[in-house]
Protein backbone atom coordinates (compact mmCIF):
# COMPACT_ATOMS: atom_id res chain seq x y z
CA MET A 1 -4.36 -16.25 6.75
CA TRP A 2 -5.11 -12.37 5.81
CA GLU A 3 -8.15 -13.44 4.21
CA THR A 4 -9.55 -13.99 8.14
CA VAL A 5 -7.60 -10.58 8.62
CA PHE A 6 -9.91 -8.26 5.59
CA ALA A 7 -13.05 -9.00 4.78
CA GLN A 8 -12.68 -6.57 2.00
CA GLY A 9 -9.70 -4.77 0.60
CA VAL A 10 -7.97 -3.72 -2.63
CA ALA A 11 -4.05 -4.15 -3.06
CA GLY A 12 -1.15 -2.11 -2.66
CA PRO A 13 1.88 -1.75 -4.83
CA VAL A 14 3.29 -4.53 -3.72
CA THR A 15 6.37 -5.32 -2.52
CA GLY A 16 8.55 -8.35 -4.02
CA GLU A 17 11.53 -11.05 -2.79
CA ALA A 18 14.42 -8.38 -3.84
CA GLU A 19 13.09 -5.49 -1.94
CA LEU A 20 12.28 -7.26 1.13
CA ALA A 21 15.90 -8.80 0.80
CA ARG A 22 17.43 -5.23 0.07
CA ALA A 23 15.29 -3.71 3.07
CA GLU A 24 16.67 -6.78 5.05
CA ALA A 25 20.06 -5.39 4.43
CA GLU A 26 19.61 -2.16 4.98
CA LEU A 27 18.13 -2.61 8.51
CA GLY A 28 20.66 -5.49 9.41
CA PHE A 29 17.77 -7.99 10.70
CA PRO A 30 15.55 -10.53 9.26
CA LEU A 31 11.69 -8.68 8.19
CA PRO A 32 8.88 -10.74 10.99
CA VAL A 33 7.31 -14.08 8.26
CA SER A 34 3.71 -12.52 9.07
CA TYR A 35 4.99 -8.82 7.69
CA ARG A 36 6.86 -10.71 4.27
CA ASP A 37 3.53 -11.75 3.56
CA PHE A 38 1.64 -8.85 4.22
CA CYS A 39 3.92 -7.06 1.68
CA ARG A 40 3.53 -10.13 -0.71
CA ARG A 41 -0.49 -10.19 -0.54
CA TRP A 42 -1.52 -6.19 0.35
CA GLY A 43 1.65 -3.46 -0.59
CA ALA A 44 1.17 0.28 0.53
CA GLY A 45 -2.03 0.82 1.55
CA LEU A 46 -4.21 2.12 5.06
CA ALA A 47 -5.25 -1.21 6.82
CA ALA A 48 -8.12 -1.15 9.41
CA GLY A 49 -8.68 1.79 7.73
CA HIS A 50 -6.42 3.69 10.75
CA PHE A 51 -2.83 2.13 10.16
CA ARG A 52 -0.15 2.65 7.14
CA VAL A 53 2.69 -0.09 7.30
CA LEU A 54 5.23 1.14 5.50
CA THR A 55 6.52 -1.55 2.57
CA PRO A 56 10.02 -1.76 0.94
CA GLY A 57 9.63 -0.12 -2.32
CA PRO A 58 10.93 2.53 -4.41
CA ASP A 59 8.21 5.61 -2.93
CA PRO A 60 10.17 7.21 0.11
CA GLU A 61 6.40 8.18 0.88
CA THR A 62 5.97 4.42 1.40
CA ASP A 63 9.10 2.54 2.16
CA LEU A 64 9.90 0.62 5.13
CA VAL A 65 13.66 1.82 5.15
CA THR A 66 13.31 5.19 4.75
CA GLY A 67 9.66 5.47 6.39
CA ALA A 68 12.10 3.76 9.86
CA ASP A 69 14.48 6.06 9.79
CA LEU A 70 12.60 8.98 9.49
CA ILE A 71 9.99 8.52 12.08
CA ALA A 72 12.96 7.32 14.67
CA HIS A 73 15.25 10.72 13.69
CA SER A 74 11.80 12.36 13.71
CA ILE A 75 10.58 11.29 17.46
CA GLY A 76 14.26 11.65 19.01
CA ALA A 77 14.28 14.82 18.47
CA VAL A 78 11.43 15.80 19.83
CA LEU A 79 12.19 14.39 22.62
CA ALA A 80 16.38 15.96 22.52
CA ASP A 81 13.95 18.33 24.08
CA ARG A 82 12.68 16.95 26.59
CA PRO A 83 14.77 16.44 29.67
CA GLY A 84 14.25 13.64 31.93
CA HIS A 85 11.58 12.34 29.52
CA GLY A 86 10.50 8.58 30.30
CA PHE A 87 8.42 6.14 28.21
CA GLU A 88 4.97 5.13 30.11
CA VAL A 89 5.22 0.91 28.95
CA GLU A 90 2.59 -1.00 29.22
CA GLY A 91 4.16 -4.60 30.67
CA ASP A 92 7.41 -4.93 33.04
CA ASP A 93 9.95 -4.73 29.76
CA PRO A 94 10.96 -1.14 29.32
CA THR A 95 13.67 -1.84 27.29
CA VAL A 96 10.83 -2.73 24.16
CA VAL A 97 11.89 0.91 23.20
CA GLU A 98 15.54 0.76 23.00
CA ARG A 99 14.84 -2.48 19.97
CA ALA A 100 12.43 -0.95 18.52
CA CYS A 101 12.49 -0.14 14.61
CA PHE A 102 9.39 1.61 13.76
CA PHE A 103 6.90 -0.06 10.53
CA GLY A 104 3.39 2.16 10.39
CA ARG A 105 1.21 4.83 11.76
CA SER A 106 -1.59 5.38 12.33
CA GLU A 107 -4.59 8.26 11.04
CA ALA A 108 -4.54 9.85 15.21
CA GLY A 109 -0.16 10.22 15.35
CA GLU A 110 0.56 6.72 16.82
CA PHE A 111 3.21 4.75 15.76
CA LEU A 112 4.02 1.29 15.61
CA PHE A 113 7.02 -0.43 15.63
CA TRP A 114 8.76 -4.26 16.08
CA ASP A 115 10.10 -5.38 18.89
CA VAL A 116 13.79 -6.27 17.27
CA VAL A 117 14.92 -9.55 19.08
CA PRO A 118 17.71 -11.71 17.59
CA ASP A 119 17.03 -15.67 16.51
CA ARG A 120 13.25 -14.36 15.91
CA SER A 121 10.78 -15.05 13.11
CA GLU A 122 8.32 -12.73 14.43
CA TYR A 123 8.62 -9.30 16.30
CA GLU A 124 6.50 -8.09 19.31
CA ILE A 125 4.00 -4.85 17.92
CA TRP A 126 3.83 -2.31 19.96
CA VAL A 127 2.54 0.97 19.10
CA LEU A 128 3.61 4.30 20.77
CA GLY A 129 1.16 7.03 21.19
CA ALA A 130 0.58 10.10 19.87
CA ASP A 131 1.95 11.53 22.88
CA LEU A 132 5.45 10.17 22.75
CA GLU A 133 5.11 8.67 26.69
CA SER A 134 2.48 6.13 25.97
CA VAL A 135 3.68 2.79 25.01
CA ARG A 136 0.89 -0.43 24.72
CA PHE A 137 2.07 -3.95 23.17
CA GLY A 138 -0.44 -4.37 20.18
CA GLY A 139 0.39 -8.22 18.87
CA ALA A 140 2.15 -10.91 18.50
CA ASP A 141 2.22 -10.23 14.78
CA LEU A 142 1.08 -8.25 12.48
CA GLY A 143 -1.95 -10.09 11.19
CA ASP A 144 -2.94 -10.59 15.21
CA LEU A 145 -2.41 -6.34 15.63
CA MET A 146 -4.89 -6.38 12.88
CA ARG A 147 -7.54 -8.97 14.19
CA ARG A 148 -7.70 -6.84 18.16
CA VAL A 149 -7.87 -3.09 16.34
CA GLN A 150 -11.15 -4.53 14.60
CA ALA A 151 -12.17 -6.69 18.95
CA PRO A 152 -12.96 -4.65 21.65
CA ALA A 153 -9.08 -4.91 22.73
CA VAL A 154 -8.49 -1.55 20.73
CA ARG A 155 -8.72 -0.07 23.79
CA GLY A 156 -5.93 -1.44 25.45
CA ILE A 157 -3.99 -0.22 22.19
CA LEU A 158 -5.62 2.98 20.51
CA GLY A 159 -7.09 3.87 24.24
CA MET A 160 -10.67 2.88 26.26
CA GLY A 161 -11.87 5.54 23.37
CA ALA A 162 -11.38 3.45 21.00
CA ALA A 163 -13.93 1.69 19.22
CA PRO A 164 -13.17 -1.44 16.67
CA LEU A 165 -11.96 -0.60 13.48
CA PRO A 166 -13.10 -1.95 10.24
CA SER A 167 -11.75 -5.33 8.68
CA THR A 168 -10.46 -3.29 5.35
CA PHE A 169 -7.57 -2.56 3.50
CA VAL A 170 -7.58 -0.65 0.45
CA GLY A 171 -4.35 -0.10 -1.54
CA ASP A 172 -2.81 2.86 -2.44
CA ASP A 173 -2.02 4.08 -5.86
CA PRO A 174 0.73 2.23 -8.37
CA ILE A 175 3.05 5.04 -8.63
CA PRO A 176 3.64 5.91 -12.09
CA THR A 177 6.36 4.75 -13.94
CA THR A 178 7.65 6.81 -17.35
CA HIS A 179 10.30 4.98 -19.85
């Protein structure tokens, strides 16, 4: 599937089954199929020149579990200073924010999250704007999100001024190991 999403790409540190299982155990839910495939194929890096998708692994900067917790805590701390704050959620279900598990961020400050609904193999992807107010639908799965941001649909995800993103993936350098 991923060969139809990124025309050019160099994988970063990829994720093995043990790391994926660890992340599922720590998060308490199964990771989406498209995300698992992404982690095994591409790993940590910059997708479409704009998104850093967190992947389970030893680097705390890119680890899914560490990053999901940090993003949620940081957003919660900011919102604690905004009494009566509400999200402007696209569509008719504002409860998507209550089921959010953050798994990525953009170079412009947006946050990617899954709407974690039990008993599904995929979770819808939503984008929390850098303003921490707007919440827009991103895609039915990770591949769908990446295809949509490479097309005119990007304006509905990142805003009317957004242009289609490149069909690229640039992997992070592996973490040096010491013996």
